[in-house]
Amino acid sequence: MVTNRSPGRKIFVACNYTFLLLISVLCLMPIIHILALSFSSGSAAAAGQVSLWPVEFTTAAYENVFGKPEYLRAFWVSVQRVVLGTSISMVLMIITAYPLSKDNRQLRLRTLYAWVFVFTILFSGGLIPSYLTVKSLGLIDTMWALVLPTAIPVFNVILLLNFYRSLPKELEESARIDGASHFTTLWKIYVPLSLPALATTGLFTMVGHWNSWFDGMLYMNHTENYPLQTFLQTVIIKMDFRFIKAENVELLLKLSDRTSRAAQIFVAAFPILIVYPFLQRFFIKGIVMGSVKE
């Protein structure tokens, strides 16, 4: 049914769209500025001449980053970490959140277990005990040192279990009447319905693994095992000129600390910017629309 909007309503909608458009522009401007800065010459960047468009266009910063085999190796380490770490975390989050989403009648001491997980958010053993634990398990200089210590992000588990608790109980009851086990109910009913929540927590996990740099520096003794963010922190930010050969002096003259930082930021953010649109549709999709019918 088509309804005529009042003038006041039209003005309100127009103001909303204008406000949201301004917010979107404000969010995009820093990214555009970083991109323009990364394609500008070092002298222009140092002089503060770059705004939203490259000045004295050059790809020297990206040539400096991509021209190193060390960078490609670190990039591959990060890709492996994201794929392995996200896969392990998603499986562990699903099988942890499901029982915690039940009440005390279905899972005895459920509240105690939940508070044990919450306690780990508020308090931790500290950096030195964490390092000693990883070292005693023989995980130093291995991929597992980057994956296992953060395999169960408790905040994401809480988000997922709250989502499970919001699902209609009639779904599980009907499955139990049909003879489905908890395992079947979880993977056949809960997981398919929780794609929006899984996409959200999965994106959080991917971003966490991709952006993490300190654990690579802490647990890796050899630079060839560094993930991308650790490599960029030690090489790009500090402007390590050992990797620049004598025949690349011209490239060195076009570089500056600001352009290298800009290239680092954009290269680090680009994979997530590519993945995010594919997960965006899950954020706006109805969670259980039509799953329970009268």
Foldseek 3Di string as FASTA:
>chain_A
DDDDDDPVVVVVVVVVVVVVVVVVCVVCQVLQQLVQLLQEFAVCVVVVVGGRHHDNGDNLLVCVQVVDVLLVLQAVLLVVLLVVQLVLLLVVLLVVLLVLLDDCVVPPCSVVVLVVLVVCVVDDPDDVVLLVVCVVVVCFQHSCLLRVVCSHPSVLSVLLNVVVNPDDPVLVVVCVVVPDDPVCCSPVPVVVLCLLSSLVSSLVRSLVSLQDQVSQVSRYPDSSNGHNNVCCVVPQQVVDCPPPDPVCVVSVNRDDNSSNVSVSVCVSCVVSVVVVVVSVVSNPDDRCVPVDDD
